[in-house]
C-alpha atoms as a PDB file:
ATOM      1  CA  UNK A   1     -85.450 -13.196  -3.451  1.00  0.00           C
ATOM      2  CA  UNK A   2     -82.350 -13.485  -1.281  1.00  0.00           C
ATOM      3  CA  UNK A   3     -80.587 -16.780  -0.686  1.00  0.00           C
ATOM      4  CA  UNK A   4     -81.477 -16.883   3.024  1.00  0.00           C
ATOM      5  CA  UNK A   5     -85.159 -16.285   2.344  1.00  0.00           C
ATOM      6  CA  UNK A   6     -85.075 -18.856  -0.440  1.00  0.00           C
ATOM      7  CA  UNK A   7     -83.731 -21.464   1.997  1.00  0.00           C
ATOM      8  CA  UNK A   8     -86.547 -20.652   4.427  1.00  0.00           C
ATOM      9  CA  UNK A   9     -89.295 -20.672   1.786  1.00  0.00           C
ATOM     10  CA  UNK A  10     -87.997 -22.948  -0.975  1.00  0.00           C
ATOM     11  CA  UNK A  11     -91.302 -23.140  -2.923  1.00  0.00           C
ATOM     12  CA  UNK A  12     -91.786 -19.377  -2.315  1.00  0.00           C
ATOM     13  CA  UNK A  13     -95.209 -19.764  -0.719  1.00  0.00           C
ATOM     14  CA  UNK A  14     -94.953 -16.164   0.428  1.00  0.00           C
ATOM     15  CA  UNK A  15     -94.916 -14.801  -3.124  1.00  0.00           C
ATOM     16  CA  UNK A  16     -98.705 -14.815  -3.558  1.00  0.00           C
ATOM     17  CA  UNK A  17     -99.821 -15.306   0.050  1.00  0.00           C
ATOM     18  CA  UNK A  18    -101.555 -11.940   0.463  1.00  0.00           C
ATOM     19  CA  UNK A  19    -103.160 -12.039  -2.984  1.00  0.00           C
ATOM     20  CA  UNK A  20    -104.439 -15.551  -2.333  1.00  0.00           C
ATOM     21  CA  UNK A  21    -106.027 -14.490   0.958  1.00  0.00           C
ATOM     22  CA  UNK A  22    -107.734 -11.586  -0.782  1.00  0.00           C
ATOM     23  CA  UNK A  23    -109.114 -13.849  -3.512  1.00  0.00           C
ATOM     24  CA  UNK A  24    -110.374 -16.382  -0.996  1.00  0.00           C
ATOM     25  CA  UNK A  25    -112.350 -13.631   0.744  1.00  0.00           C
ATOM     26  CA  UNK A  26    -113.984 -12.437  -2.469  1.00  0.00           C
ATOM     27  CA  UNK A  27    -117.324 -13.841  -3.680  1.00  0.00           C
ATOM     28  CA  UNK A  28    -116.752 -17.219  -5.291  1.00  0.00           C
ATOM     29  CA  UNK A  29    -116.645 -17.275  -9.086  1.00  0.00           C
ATOM     30  CA  UNK A  30    -117.421 -20.315 -11.202  1.00  0.00           C
ATOM     31  CA  UNK A  31    -115.073 -19.498 -14.091  1.00  0.00           C
ATOM     32  CA  UNK A  32    -111.724 -18.875 -12.392  1.00  0.00           C
ATOM     33  CA  UNK A  33    -108.643 -20.056 -14.301  1.00  0.00           C
ATOM     34  CA  UNK A  34    -105.242 -20.294 -12.597  1.00  0.00           C
ATOM     35  CA  UNK A  35    -102.053 -20.301 -14.663  1.00  0.00           C
ATOM     36  CA  UNK A  36     -99.180 -21.912 -12.744  1.00  0.00           C
ATOM     37  CA  UNK A  37     -95.633 -22.060 -14.035  1.00  0.00           C
ATOM     38  CA  UNK A  38     -92.267 -20.312 -14.110  1.00  0.00           C
ATOM     39  CA  UNK A  39     -91.098 -17.026 -15.660  1.00  0.00           C
ATOM     40  CA  UNK A  40     -92.809 -17.776 -18.970  1.00  0.00           C
ATOM     41  CA  UNK A  41     -96.101 -17.764 -17.089  1.00  0.00           C
ATOM     42  CA  UNK A  42     -95.203 -14.931 -14.707  1.00  0.00           C
ATOM     43  CA  UNK A  43     -94.131 -12.556 -17.489  1.00  0.00           C
ATOM     44  CA  UNK A  44     -97.247 -13.300 -19.549  1.00  0.00           C
ATOM     45  CA  UNK A  45     -99.440 -10.936 -17.558  1.00  0.00           C
ATOM     46  CA  UNK A  46     -96.839  -8.175 -17.967  1.00  0.00           C
ATOM     47  CA  UNK A  47     -96.300  -8.636 -21.711  1.00  0.00           C
ATOM     48  CA  UNK A  48     -99.980  -9.169 -22.504  1.00  0.00           C
ATOM     49  CA  UNK A  49    -101.806  -7.305 -19.764  1.00  0.00           C
ATOM     50  CA  UNK A  50    -105.018  -7.143 -21.790  1.00  0.00           C
ATOM     51  CA  UNK A  51    -105.351 -10.934 -21.667  1.00  0.00           C
ATOM     52  CA  UNK A  52    -105.028 -10.995 -17.891  1.00  0.00           C
ATOM     53  CA  UNK A  53    -107.351  -8.022 -17.452  1.00  0.00           C
ATOM     54  CA  UNK A  54    -110.000 -10.727 -17.188  1.00  0.00           C
ATOM     55  CA  UNK A  55    -110.334 -10.934 -13.398  1.00  0.00           C
ATOM     56  CA  UNK A  56    -111.069 -14.642 -13.647  1.00  0.00           C
ATOM     57  CA  UNK A  57    -107.550 -15.297 -14.991  1.00  0.00           C
ATOM     58  CA  UNK A  58    -105.105 -15.636 -12.108  1.00  0.00           C
ATOM     59  CA  UNK A  59    -101.354 -15.701 -12.796  1.00  0.00           C
ATOM     60  CA  UNK A  60     -99.318 -17.824 -10.393  1.00  0.00           C
ATOM     61  CA  UNK A  61     -96.043 -18.005 -12.272  1.00  0.00           C
ATOM     62  CA  UNK A  62     -92.743 -17.618 -10.405  1.00  0.00           C
ATOM     63  CA  UNK A  63     -89.539 -16.942 -12.284  1.00  0.00           C
ATOM     64  CA  UNK A  64     -86.881 -19.632 -12.088  1.00  0.00           C
ATOM     65  CA  UNK A  65     -89.090 -22.284 -10.538  1.00  0.00           C
ATOM     66  CA  UNK A  66     -88.937 -26.006 -11.166  1.00  0.00           C
ATOM     67  CA  UNK A  67     -91.688 -28.611 -11.008  1.00  0.00           C
ATOM     68  CA  UNK A  68     -91.021 -29.750  -7.389  1.00  0.00           C
ATOM     69  CA  UNK A  69     -91.382 -26.155  -6.209  1.00  0.00           C
ATOM     70  CA  UNK A  70     -94.677 -25.811  -8.069  1.00  0.00           C
ATOM     71  CA  UNK A  71     -95.894 -29.082  -6.587  1.00  0.00           C
ATOM     72  CA  UNK A  72     -95.188 -27.817  -3.067  1.00  0.00           C
ATOM     73  CA  UNK A  73     -97.210 -24.646  -3.642  1.00  0.00           C
ATOM     74  CA  UNK A  74     -99.980 -26.252  -5.695  1.00  0.00           C
ATOM     75  CA  UNK A  75    -102.415 -26.342  -2.765  1.00  0.00           C
ATOM     76  CA  UNK A  76    -101.856 -22.726  -1.759  1.00  0.00           C
ATOM     77  CA  UNK A  77    -101.655 -21.201  -5.227  1.00  0.00           C
ATOM     78  CA  UNK A  78    -104.204 -23.361  -7.037  1.00  0.00           C
ATOM     79  CA  UNK A  79    -106.470 -25.602  -4.962  1.00  0.00           C
ATOM     80  CA  UNK A  80    -107.302 -23.069  -2.253  1.00  0.00           C
ATOM     81  CA  UNK A  81    -108.395 -20.589  -4.926  1.00  0.00           C
ATOM     82  CA  UNK A  82    -111.061 -23.089  -6.065  1.00  0.00           C
ATOM     83  CA  UNK A  83    -110.649 -22.528  -9.798  1.00  0.00           C
ATOM     84  CA  UNK A  84    -112.624 -24.242 -12.508  1.00  0.00           C
ATOM     85  CA  UNK A  85    -109.428 -24.812 -14.509  1.00  0.00           C
ATOM     86  CA  UNK A  86    -105.661 -24.784 -13.966  1.00  0.00           C
ATOM     87  CA  UNK A  87    -103.212 -24.310 -16.835  1.00  0.00           C
ATOM     88  CA  UNK A  88     -99.870 -25.972 -16.053  1.00  0.00           C
ATOM     89  CA  UNK A  89     -96.601 -25.188 -17.821  1.00  0.00           C
ATOM     90  CA  UNK A  90     -93.601 -26.731 -16.054  1.00  0.00           C
ATOM     91  CA  UNK A  91     -90.294 -28.446 -16.655  1.00  0.00           C
ATOM     92  CA  UNK A  92     -88.052 -26.035 -18.531  1.00  0.00           C
ATOM     93  CA  UNK A  93     -86.091 -24.934 -15.482  1.00  0.00           C
ATOM     94  CA  UNK A  94     -85.790 -28.545 -14.350  1.00  0.00           C
ATOM     95  CA  UNK A  95     -83.990 -29.308 -17.611  1.00  0.00           C
ATOM     96  CA  UNK A  96     -81.839 -26.217 -17.021  1.00  0.00           C
ATOM     97  CA  UNK A  97     -80.834 -27.641 -13.639  1.00  0.00           C
ATOM     98  CA  UNK A  98     -82.088 -24.678 -11.603  1.00  0.00           C
ATOM     99  CA  UNK A  99     -82.637 -26.781  -8.471  1.00  0.00           C
ATOM    100  CA  UNK A 100     -80.231 -29.596  -9.244  1.00  0.00           C
ATOM    101  CA  UNK A 101     -80.164 -32.455 -11.683  1.00  0.00           C
ATOM    102  CA  UNK A 102     -83.552 -33.888 -12.683  1.00  0.00           C
ATOM    103  CA  UNK A 103     -84.407 -36.727 -15.020  1.00  0.00           C
ATOM    104  CA  UNK A 104     -87.312 -36.336 -17.419  1.00  0.00           C
ATOM    105  CA  UNK A 105     -89.106 -39.065 -15.470  1.00  0.00           C
ATOM    106  CA  UNK A 106     -88.739 -37.038 -12.253  1.00  0.00           C
ATOM    107  CA  UNK A 107     -90.248 -33.993 -13.944  1.00  0.00           C
ATOM    108  CA  UNK A 108     -93.156 -36.004 -15.295  1.00  0.00           C
ATOM    109  CA  UNK A 109     -93.765 -37.553 -11.864  1.00  0.00           C
ATOM    110  CA  UNK A 110     -94.097 -34.088 -10.324  1.00  0.00           C
ATOM    111  CA  UNK A 111     -96.559 -33.099 -13.026  1.00  0.00           C
ATOM    112  CA  UNK A 112     -98.529 -36.319 -12.520  1.00  0.00           C
ATOM    113  CA  UNK A 113     -98.792 -35.466  -8.816  1.00  0.00           C
ATOM    114  CA  UNK A 114    -100.228 -32.048  -9.662  1.00  0.00           C
ATOM    115  CA  UNK A 115    -102.664 -33.648 -12.100  1.00  0.00           C
ATOM    116  CA  UNK A 116    -103.827 -36.037  -9.383  1.00  0.00           C
ATOM    117  CA  UNK A 117    -104.256 -33.204  -6.882  1.00  0.00           C
ATOM    118  CA  UNK A 118    -106.328 -31.248  -9.389  1.00  0.00           C
ATOM    119  CA  UNK A 119    -108.462 -34.261 -10.239  1.00  0.00           C
ATOM    120  CA  UNK A 120    -109.113 -35.075  -6.578  1.00  0.00           C
ATOM    121  CA  UNK A 121    -110.307 -31.501  -6.058  1.00  0.00           C
ATOM    122  CA  UNK A 122    -112.449 -31.539  -9.221  1.00  0.00           C
ATOM    123  CA  UNK A 123    -110.346 -28.966 -11.024  1.00  0.00           C
ATOM    124  CA  UNK A 124    -109.950 -29.324 -14.773  1.00  0.00           C
ATOM    125  CA  UNK A 125    -106.260 -29.351 -15.687  1.00  0.00           C
ATOM    126  CA  UNK A 126    -104.713 -28.359 -19.003  1.00  0.00           C
ATOM    127  CA  UNK A 127    -101.163 -29.516 -19.727  1.00  0.00           C
ATOM    128  CA  UNK A 128     -98.932 -27.337 -21.884  1.00  0.00           C
ATOM    129  CA  UNK A 129     -95.863 -28.354 -23.836  1.00  0.00           C
ATOM    130  CA  UNK A 130     -92.516 -26.793 -23.090  1.00  0.00           C
ATOM    131  CA  UNK A 131     -91.555 -24.010 -25.451  1.00  0.00           C
ATOM    132  CA  UNK A 132     -88.692 -24.671 -27.882  1.00  0.00           C
ATOM    133  CA  UNK A 133     -85.232 -23.689 -26.686  1.00  0.00           C
ATOM    134  CA  UNK A 134     -81.711 -24.586 -27.783  1.00  0.00           C
ATOM    135  CA  UNK A 135     -79.751 -22.389 -25.366  1.00  0.00           C
ATOM    136  CA  UNK A 136     -80.167 -21.386 -21.714  1.00  0.00           C
ATOM    137  CA  UNK A 137     -78.285 -18.085 -21.383  1.00  0.00           C
ATOM    138  CA  UNK A 138     -77.753 -18.654 -17.642  1.00  0.00           C
ATOM    139  CA  UNK A 139     -76.482 -22.213 -18.180  1.00  0.00           C
ATOM    140  CA  UNK A 140     -74.805 -22.237 -21.609  1.00  0.00           C
ATOM    141  CA  UNK A 141     -73.230 -25.678 -21.124  1.00  0.00           C
ATOM    142  CA  UNK A 142     -76.636 -27.268 -21.688  1.00  0.00           C
ATOM    143  CA  UNK A 143     -78.259 -27.719 -25.093  1.00  0.00           C
ATOM    144  CA  UNK A 144     -81.817 -28.523 -24.043  1.00  0.00           C
ATOM    145  CA  UNK A 145     -83.404 -29.026 -27.456  1.00  0.00           C
ATOM    146  CA  UNK A 146     -83.384 -32.843 -27.518  1.00  0.00           C
ATOM    147  CA  UNK A 147     -84.555 -33.116 -23.905  1.00  0.00           C
ATOM    148  CA  UNK A 148     -87.410 -30.708 -24.591  1.00  0.00           C
ATOM    149  CA  UNK A 149     -88.541 -32.683 -27.630  1.00  0.00           C
ATOM    150  CA  UNK A 150     -88.409 -35.955 -25.689  1.00  0.00           C
ATOM    151  CA  UNK A 151     -90.190 -34.515 -22.662  1.00  0.00           C
ATOM    152  CA  UNK A 152     -92.951 -32.980 -24.758  1.00  0.00           C
ATOM    153  CA  UNK A 153     -93.516 -36.380 -26.333  1.00  0.00           C
ATOM    154  CA  UNK A 154     -93.713 -37.997 -22.879  1.00  0.00           C
ATOM    155  CA  UNK A 155     -96.108 -35.312 -21.670  1.00  0.00           C
ATOM    156  CA  UNK A 156     -98.350 -35.581 -24.716  1.00  0.00           C
ATOM    157  CA  UNK A 157     -98.506 -39.372 -24.440  1.00  0.00           C
ATOM    158  CA  UNK A 158     -99.436 -39.092 -20.764  1.00  0.00           C
ATOM    159  CA  UNK A 159    -102.113 -36.495 -21.511  1.00  0.00           C
ATOM    160  CA  UNK A 160    -103.578 -38.670 -24.266  1.00  0.00           C
ATOM    161  CA  UNK A 161    -103.624 -41.745 -22.023  1.00  0.00           C
ATOM    162  CA  UNK A 162    -105.398 -39.835 -19.244  1.00  0.00           C
ATOM    163  CA  UNK A 163    -107.752 -37.871 -21.521  1.00  0.00           C
ATOM    164  CA  UNK A 164    -106.224 -34.544 -20.473  1.00  0.00           C
ATOM    165  CA  UNK A 165    -106.264 -31.501 -22.748  1.00  0.00           C
ATOM    166  CA  UNK A 166    -102.767 -30.878 -24.138  1.00  0.00           C
ATOM    167  CA  UNK A 167    -101.699 -27.564 -25.656  1.00  0.00           C
ATOM    168  CA  UNK A 168     -98.800 -27.755 -28.114  1.00  0.00           C
ATOM    169  CA  UNK A 169     -97.020 -24.406 -27.892  1.00  0.00           C
ATOM    170  CA  UNK A 170     -93.807 -25.985 -29.174  1.00  0.00           C
ATOM    171  CA  UNK A 171     -94.858 -26.649 -32.768  1.00  0.00           C
ATOM    172  CA  UNK A 172     -96.205 -23.133 -33.220  1.00  0.00           C
ATOM    173  CA  UNK A 173     -93.075 -21.380 -31.937  1.00  0.00           C
ATOM    174  CA  UNK A 174     -90.110 -23.515 -33.061  1.00  0.00           C
ATOM    175  CA  UNK A 175     -87.537 -22.533 -35.694  1.00  0.00           C
ATOM    176  CA  UNK A 176     -85.314 -24.664 -37.948  1.00  0.00           C
ATOM    177  CA  UNK A 177     -82.704 -25.000 -35.189  1.00  0.00           C
ATOM    178  CA  UNK A 178     -85.111 -26.363 -32.565  1.00  0.00           C
ATOM    179  CA  UNK A 179     -85.099 -23.021 -30.786  1.00  0.00           C
ATOM    180  CA  UNK A 180     -87.655 -20.322 -30.101  1.00  0.00           C
ATOM    181  CA  UNK A 181     -88.087 -18.478 -33.401  1.00  0.00           C
ATOM    182  CA  UNK A 182     -86.620 -14.957 -33.499  1.00  0.00           C
ATOM    183  CA  UNK A 183     -89.949 -13.282 -34.190  1.00  0.00           C
ATOM    184  CA  UNK A 184     -91.316 -14.747 -30.970  1.00  0.00           C
ATOM    185  CA  UNK A 185     -88.499 -13.999 -28.504  1.00  0.00           C
ATOM    186  CA  UNK A 186     -85.737 -11.543 -27.667  1.00  0.00           C
ATOM    187  CA  UNK A 187     -83.579 -13.929 -25.597  1.00  0.00           C
ATOM    188  CA  UNK A 188     -84.392 -17.366 -26.996  1.00  0.00           C
ATOM    189  CA  UNK A 189     -86.149 -18.475 -23.817  1.00  0.00           C
ATOM    190  CA  UNK A 190     -88.989 -16.106 -22.981  1.00  0.00           C
ATOM    191  CA  UNK A 191     -91.724 -15.147 -25.441  1.00  0.00           C
ATOM    192  CA  UNK A 192     -92.167 -11.548 -26.522  1.00  0.00           C
ATOM    193  CA  UNK A 193     -95.561 -10.024 -27.257  1.00  0.00           C
ATOM    194  CA  UNK A 194     -95.769 -11.906 -30.562  1.00  0.00           C
ATOM    195  CA  UNK A 195     -94.958 -15.191 -28.856  1.00  0.00           C
ATOM    196  CA  UNK A 196     -97.538 -14.665 -26.154  1.00  0.00           C
ATOM    197  CA  UNK A 197    -100.110 -13.771 -28.799  1.00  0.00           C
ATOM    198  CA  UNK A 198     -99.573 -17.204 -30.359  1.00  0.00           C
ATOM    199  CA  UNK A 199     -99.868 -18.869 -26.952  1.00  0.00           C
ATOM    200  CA  UNK A 200    -103.066 -16.964 -26.237  1.00  0.00           C
ATOM    201  CA  UNK A 201    -104.597 -18.077 -29.526  1.00  0.00           C
ATOM    202  CA  UNK A 202    -103.868 -21.711 -28.644  1.00  0.00           C
ATOM    203  CA  UNK A 203    -105.068 -21.722 -25.026  1.00  0.00           C
ATOM    204  CA  UNK A 204    -108.055 -19.349 -25.258  1.00  0.00           C
ATOM    205  CA  UNK A 205    -110.518 -21.815 -26.870  1.00  0.00           C
ATOM    206  CA  UNK A 206    -110.077 -24.207 -23.943  1.00  0.00           C
ATOM    207  CA  UNK A 207    -110.606 -21.817 -21.033  1.00  0.00           C
END
């Protein structure tokens, strides 16, 4: 997306606008699950197309996005689709500084807002840990490993306090250097087919 268009549509509401309208005009289903997130979510349906061949699984990931952008599109890309469940994976690009500096508290506050929106609209929400990472190839000055560990702890504590299902992808994918294990990724940030297979095995029982 070009810079001018990005400035006009910062949360990128136009990305799924037509698909959302089509879904809203289809007969209502009681088992719809929306996955909202960044590139890790967006690429999932490409790497593991068989998983998303289930028409009730709707992918609303957008590469590069941060939690405030997801919050701004949460109504259009989640609530208006009237899902039974939303699976939320957010925060990695905030730590990378994609839309400016963000504290871990700011990231959590954005996630809390999405949780509250889901709850108000009677949508079950599943919180997912950030994946391990010790190097952002587009921002090599940052070593995110400690921030990711701390944020995952904050997120898990919040989920426990609010009785929200929490999925721990981190522990299943991490290596001895607090990064994404080589067998699960080609670039150290995004899962490959093996990585997504692990994620599927963890999330599937809850959706």
